[in-house]
Amino acid sequence: MKKETEVKLLKLENWFRGQPGSIVAFSGGIDSSLLLFLARKWQGRPAAIGVISDSESLKRKDFQLAQSLSSQFDIILEVIETRELEDERYNQNPVDRCYFCKDHLYTDLQKISKKYPGFPVLNGTNADDHGDYRPGMKAAAEYQVLAPLSDCGITKEEIREIAHYFELPNWNKPASPCLSSRIPYAHSITKKKLVEIEQAEDLLNSFGFKDVRVRHYGDHGKIEVLREEVPRLLEMKASVVEKIREIGFPEVVIDEEGLVSGKLNRVLKTKS
């Protein structure tokens, strides 16, 4: 491990040891996985609580991974059900959709907090997350949710480095934002669309494409894979497109620019 990373890790350890316990908002992604693992390592089992929302916008693979990790590392995992799809402020998909999602999550986490008095609620925000549009951070601030990875200056690359060092099984897992992030702003979010997106992305994974997005535009789907894998996808276009159309997309196109995280946020920059 790099010396600079070791210094930040020690700072993070001191942070955890100064707290009575932790309630970690857990998604199965690498950021919150590492945070919860370290809470368990440094604070002990009774004081390190993971909480995951069995949300319709969370991939089933990620939900199952979270359960598996909790079992592997003997972590207490609380499962809640946020019902953000029932909230028009969320399902109409405004540009601040993430705020309403996190508002639901943190409201429900307050109920969990009553079971573990004095334990702060933590999220996996890291030092690199401040460069993109993230209205969920506003909700975190309002609910006094803490972000120790960010506070200790730990970047995404360093998170993977530390997770690799501690042999977390998902240390190199591609980022997996919520399924709703595949739907352009102002296009309504429905369970049907979320299921179609997940099935289409699972299909692409089965073809060997590890890091993928399928954007749902209602009348068509747009596939993104890593730029260096676009030529292989184009070679397989006929069979891939046919299978994705069978899932429920009327038309399917391939984005030849390749995968760009947060691509749907570009519209916000053009309006500003």
Protein backbone atom coordinates (compact mmCIF):
# COMPACT_ATOMS: atom_id res chain seq x y z
CA MET A 1 0.00 0.00 0.00
CA LYS A 2 1.29 3.48 -0.83
CA LYS A 3 2.62 5.53 2.07
CA GLU A 4 0.11 8.34 1.44
CA THR A 5 -2.73 5.82 1.52
CA GLU A 6 -1.40 4.34 4.77
CA VAL A 7 -1.42 7.78 6.38
CA LYS A 8 -5.04 8.37 5.34
CA LEU A 9 -6.02 4.90 6.55
CA LEU A 10 -4.54 5.63 9.98
CA LYS A 11 -6.48 8.88 10.07
CA LEU A 12 -9.64 6.95 9.23
CA GLU A 13 -8.92 4.39 11.97
CA ASN A 14 -8.55 7.18 14.51
CA TRP A 15 -11.84 8.64 13.28
CA PHE A 16 -13.67 5.34 13.83
CA ARG A 17 -12.11 4.69 17.21
CA GLY A 18 -13.35 8.08 18.36
CA GLN A 19 -16.99 7.10 17.72
CA PRO A 20 -19.24 4.91 19.90
CA GLY A 21 -20.37 2.97 16.83
CA SER A 22 -21.61 3.39 13.28
CA ILE A 23 -24.71 2.93 11.16
CA VAL A 24 -23.49 2.62 7.59
CA ALA A 25 -25.82 3.28 4.66
CA PHE A 26 -24.82 0.21 2.65
CA SER A 27 -25.43 -0.36 -1.06
CA GLY A 28 -23.11 -3.24 -1.94
CA GLY A 29 -20.83 -0.82 -3.82
CA ILE A 30 -17.14 -0.69 -3.01
CA ASP A 31 -17.24 2.64 -1.12
CA SER A 32 -19.84 1.64 1.45
CA SER A 33 -18.50 -1.94 1.53
CA LEU A 34 -15.08 -0.73 2.62
CA LEU A 35 -16.58 1.71 5.09
CA LEU A 36 -18.68 -1.00 6.72
CA PHE A 37 -15.81 -3.51 6.71
CA LEU A 38 -13.53 -1.04 8.48
CA ALA A 39 -16.23 -0.11 10.99
CA ARG A 40 -16.57 -3.81 11.81
CA LYS A 41 -12.78 -4.21 12.03
CA TRP A 42 -12.15 -1.23 14.30
CA GLN A 43 -15.37 -0.91 16.29
CA GLY A 44 -16.39 -4.53 16.71
CA ARG A 45 -19.49 -6.45 15.67
CA PRO A 46 -22.09 -4.93 18.05
CA ALA A 47 -21.04 -1.38 17.12
CA ALA A 48 -20.86 -1.65 13.31
CA ILE A 49 -24.35 -1.77 11.79
CA GLY A 50 -24.97 -2.01 8.06
CA VAL A 51 -28.31 -0.87 6.67
CA ILE A 52 -29.39 -1.57 3.11
CA SER A 53 -32.59 -0.50 1.40
CA ASP A 54 -34.30 -3.22 -0.62
CA SER A 55 -35.18 -0.59 -3.19
CA GLU A 56 -36.56 -1.20 -6.69
CA SER A 57 -33.75 0.95 -8.07
CA LEU A 58 -31.04 -1.27 -6.53
CA LYS A 59 -29.80 -4.11 -8.70
CA ARG A 60 -30.64 -7.55 -7.32
CA LYS A 61 -26.98 -8.51 -7.79
CA ASP A 62 -25.91 -5.63 -5.54
CA PHE A 63 -28.50 -6.52 -2.90
CA GLN A 64 -27.32 -10.13 -2.89
CA LEU A 65 -23.67 -9.04 -2.77
CA ALA A 66 -24.39 -6.86 0.27
CA GLN A 67 -25.97 -9.81 2.05
CA SER A 68 -23.06 -12.06 1.10
CA LEU A 69 -20.44 -9.57 2.33
CA SER A 70 -22.26 -9.11 5.61
CA SER A 71 -22.33 -12.85 6.14
CA GLN A 72 -18.68 -13.29 5.13
CA PHE A 73 -17.41 -10.66 7.56
CA ASP A 74 -19.95 -11.35 10.35
CA ILE A 75 -21.62 -7.95 10.09
CA ILE A 76 -25.04 -7.05 11.48
CA LEU A 77 -27.20 -6.08 8.48
CA GLU A 78 -30.55 -4.35 8.80
CA VAL A 79 -32.79 -4.40 5.72
CA ILE A 80 -35.30 -1.61 5.18
CA GLU A 81 -37.71 -0.82 2.34
CA THR A 82 -37.71 2.71 1.05
CA ARG A 83 -40.70 3.42 -1.17
CA GLU A 84 -39.41 6.30 -3.23
CA LEU A 85 -41.22 5.09 -6.38
CA GLU A 86 -44.51 5.96 -4.67
CA ASP A 87 -43.34 9.58 -4.28
CA GLU A 88 -44.15 11.79 -7.27
CA ARG A 89 -41.28 14.09 -6.35
CA TYR A 90 -39.05 11.13 -7.17
CA ASN A 91 -40.81 9.14 -9.88
CA GLN A 92 -41.37 12.17 -12.11
CA ASN A 93 -37.57 12.28 -12.27
CA PRO A 94 -36.71 15.94 -11.71
CA VAL A 95 -33.08 17.03 -11.80
CA ASP A 96 -32.95 16.78 -8.01
CA ARG A 97 -34.37 13.24 -7.95
CA CYS A 98 -31.41 12.00 -5.89
CA TYR A 99 -32.31 14.44 -3.14
CA PHE A 100 -35.74 12.87 -2.69
CA CYS A 101 -34.29 9.36 -2.83
CA LYS A 102 -31.82 10.15 -0.05
CA ASP A 103 -34.51 11.99 1.88
CA HIS A 104 -36.49 8.74 2.00
CA LEU A 105 -33.39 6.73 2.91
CA TYR A 106 -32.21 9.01 5.70
CA THR A 107 -35.73 9.37 7.11
CA ASP A 108 -35.92 5.58 7.43
CA LEU A 109 -32.41 5.45 8.85
CA GLN A 110 -33.53 7.73 11.66
CA LYS A 111 -35.82 4.89 12.77
CA ILE A 112 -32.87 2.49 12.81
CA SER A 113 -30.89 5.05 14.81
CA LYS A 114 -33.36 4.70 17.68
CA LYS A 115 -32.22 1.08 18.09
CA TYR A 116 -28.59 2.17 18.32
CA PRO A 117 -28.57 5.44 20.24
CA GLY A 118 -25.48 7.58 19.85
CA PHE A 119 -24.29 5.85 16.66
CA PRO A 120 -23.82 8.35 13.81
CA VAL A 121 -25.16 7.52 10.34
CA LEU A 122 -22.40 7.26 7.72
CA ASN A 123 -22.35 7.15 3.94
CA GLY A 124 -19.67 6.15 1.43
CA THR A 125 -19.09 9.57 -0.14
CA ASN A 126 -15.40 9.84 -1.03
CA ALA A 127 -13.06 12.69 -1.87
CA ASP A 128 -13.72 12.36 -5.62
CA ASP A 129 -17.49 12.63 -5.33
CA HIS A 130 -17.52 16.40 -5.01
CA GLY A 131 -16.78 16.95 -8.70
CA ASP A 132 -20.13 15.75 -10.08
CA TYR A 133 -23.72 16.91 -9.60
CA ARG A 134 -24.92 15.08 -6.47
CA PRO A 135 -28.07 16.56 -4.90
CA GLY A 136 -28.11 13.62 -2.47
CA MET A 137 -25.30 15.35 -0.59
CA LYS A 138 -27.74 18.11 0.36
CA ALA A 139 -30.00 15.54 2.03
CA ALA A 140 -27.00 14.03 3.82
CA ALA A 141 -26.09 17.44 5.23
CA GLU A 142 -29.68 18.07 6.38
CA TYR A 143 -29.78 14.74 8.24
CA GLN A 144 -26.25 15.19 9.62
CA VAL A 145 -25.00 12.06 7.86
CA LEU A 146 -21.22 11.81 8.12
CA ALA A 147 -18.79 10.93 5.32
CA PRO A 148 -15.51 9.77 6.90
CA LEU A 149 -13.95 8.65 3.61
CA SER A 150 -14.39 12.15 2.23
CA ASP A 151 -13.34 13.81 5.49
CA CYS A 152 -10.10 11.81 5.50
CA GLY A 153 -9.40 12.74 1.87
CA ILE A 154 -9.64 9.18 0.56
CA THR A 155 -10.14 8.96 -3.21
CA LYS A 156 -11.84 6.26 -5.28
CA GLU A 157 -8.49 4.85 -6.37
CA GLU A 158 -7.34 4.69 -2.75
CA ILE A 159 -10.59 2.97 -1.73
CA ARG A 160 -9.87 0.22 -4.25
CA GLU A 161 -6.25 0.03 -3.08
CA ILE A 162 -7.31 -0.40 0.57
CA ALA A 163 -10.10 -2.85 -0.33
CA HIS A 164 -7.61 -4.92 -2.34
CA TYR A 165 -5.19 -4.90 0.59
CA PHE A 166 -7.91 -6.25 2.91
CA GLU A 167 -9.04 -8.74 0.22
CA LEU A 168 -12.60 -7.53 -0.12
CA PRO A 169 -14.13 -9.65 -2.91
CA ASN A 170 -15.61 -6.63 -4.69
CA TRP A 171 -12.50 -4.43 -4.58
CA ASN A 172 -12.45 -4.07 -8.38
CA LYS A 173 -16.21 -4.19 -8.98
CA PRO A 174 -17.31 -1.56 -11.52
CA ALA A 175 -19.36 1.35 -10.18
CA SER A 176 -23.06 0.48 -10.04
CA PRO A 177 -25.19 3.61 -9.64
CA CYS A 178 -28.89 3.15 -8.97
CA LEU A 179 -30.98 1.96 -11.90
CA SER A 180 -32.97 5.21 -11.96
CA SER A 181 -29.82 7.04 -13.05
CA ARG A 182 -30.22 5.35 -16.47
CA ILE A 183 -33.43 7.28 -17.17
CA PRO A 184 -33.12 10.85 -18.55
CA TYR A 185 -34.44 13.66 -16.36
CA ALA A 186 -38.17 14.41 -16.81
CA HIS A 187 -38.79 10.87 -18.12
CA SER A 188 -40.91 9.13 -15.48
CA ILE A 189 -39.43 6.29 -13.47
CA THR A 190 -41.48 3.09 -13.35
CA LYS A 191 -40.82 -0.38 -12.01
CA LYS A 192 -41.20 -1.75 -15.56
CA LYS A 193 -38.40 0.48 -16.86
CA LEU A 194 -36.11 -0.42 -13.95
CA VAL A 195 -36.67 -4.15 -14.53
CA GLU A 196 -35.97 -3.78 -18.26
CA ILE A 197 -32.75 -1.85 -17.59
CA GLU A 198 -31.52 -4.45 -15.12
CA GLN A 199 -32.32 -7.36 -17.42
CA ALA A 200 -30.62 -5.66 -20.37
CA GLU A 201 -27.49 -4.91 -18.35
CA ASP A 202 -27.40 -8.47 -17.01
CA LEU A 203 -27.61 -9.68 -20.59
CA LEU A 204 -24.64 -7.53 -21.62
CA ASN A 205 -22.72 -8.88 -18.62
CA SER A 206 -23.46 -12.41 -19.83
CA PHE A 207 -21.83 -11.49 -23.16
CA GLY A 208 -18.65 -10.57 -21.27
CA PHE A 209 -19.11 -6.80 -20.97
CA LYS A 210 -18.41 -6.05 -17.30
CA ASP A 211 -19.01 -2.30 -17.06
CA VAL A 212 -22.20 -1.30 -18.88
CA ARG A 213 -25.12 1.11 -18.91
CA VAL A 214 -28.42 0.79 -20.73
CA ARG A 215 -30.11 4.19 -20.87
CA HIS A 216 -33.91 4.01 -21.10
CA TYR A 217 -35.50 6.69 -23.29
CA GLY A 218 -38.98 5.14 -23.35
CA ASP A 219 -39.15 4.52 -27.09
CA HIS A 220 -35.60 3.15 -27.27
CA GLY A 221 -32.67 1.95 -25.23
CA LYS A 222 -29.09 3.15 -25.67
CA ILE A 223 -26.23 0.80 -24.82
CA GLU A 224 -22.92 2.00 -23.36
CA VAL A 225 -19.90 -0.24 -22.86
CA LEU A 226 -16.27 0.70 -22.25
CA ARG A 227 -14.83 2.58 -25.23
CA GLU A 228 -12.27 -0.12 -25.97
CA GLU A 229 -15.06 -2.72 -26.09
CA VAL A 230 -17.29 -0.82 -28.52
CA PRO A 231 -15.77 -2.57 -31.62
CA ARG A 232 -16.56 -6.00 -30.15
CA LEU A 233 -20.10 -4.89 -29.33
CA LEU A 234 -20.59 -3.62 -32.88
CA GLU A 235 -19.48 -7.01 -34.22
CA MET A 236 -22.17 -8.65 -32.07
CA LYS A 237 -24.74 -5.94 -32.71
CA ALA A 238 -27.41 -8.05 -34.44
CA SER A 239 -27.67 -10.72 -31.76
CA VAL A 240 -27.34 -8.28 -28.82
CA VAL A 241 -29.94 -5.87 -30.17
CA GLU A 242 -32.40 -8.68 -30.89
CA LYS A 243 -32.16 -10.06 -27.35
CA ILE A 244 -32.51 -6.63 -25.73
CA ARG A 245 -35.55 -5.85 -27.87
CA GLU A 246 -37.10 -9.08 -26.59
CA ILE A 247 -36.80 -7.68 -23.06
CA GLY A 248 -39.16 -4.85 -23.99
CA PHE A 249 -37.20 -2.06 -25.70
CA PRO A 250 -38.91 -1.09 -29.00
CA GLU A 251 -35.59 0.01 -30.49
CA VAL A 252 -31.97 -0.32 -29.39
CA VAL A 253 -28.97 1.79 -30.39
CA ILE A 254 -25.29 1.56 -29.49
CA ASP A 255 -23.58 4.65 -28.12
CA GLU A 256 -20.27 4.58 -29.99
CA GLU A 257 -18.72 7.16 -27.68
CA GLY A 258 -18.60 4.45 -25.04
CA LEU A 259 -19.44 4.49 -21.37
CA VAL A 260 -19.21 7.82 -19.59
CA SER A 261 -20.35 7.86 -15.97
CA GLY A 262 -22.90 10.59 -15.33
CA LYS A 263 -23.48 11.17 -19.04
CA LEU A 264 -27.12 12.13 -18.49
CA ASN A 265 -25.94 15.04 -16.33
CA ARG A 266 -24.48 16.76 -19.39
CA VAL A 267 -27.88 18.30 -20.07
CA LEU A 268 -27.56 20.20 -16.79
CA LYS A 269 -24.32 21.82 -17.91
CA THR A 270 -25.79 22.92 -21.22
CA LYS A 271 -28.68 24.62 -19.39
CA SER A 272 -26.48 26.42 -16.88
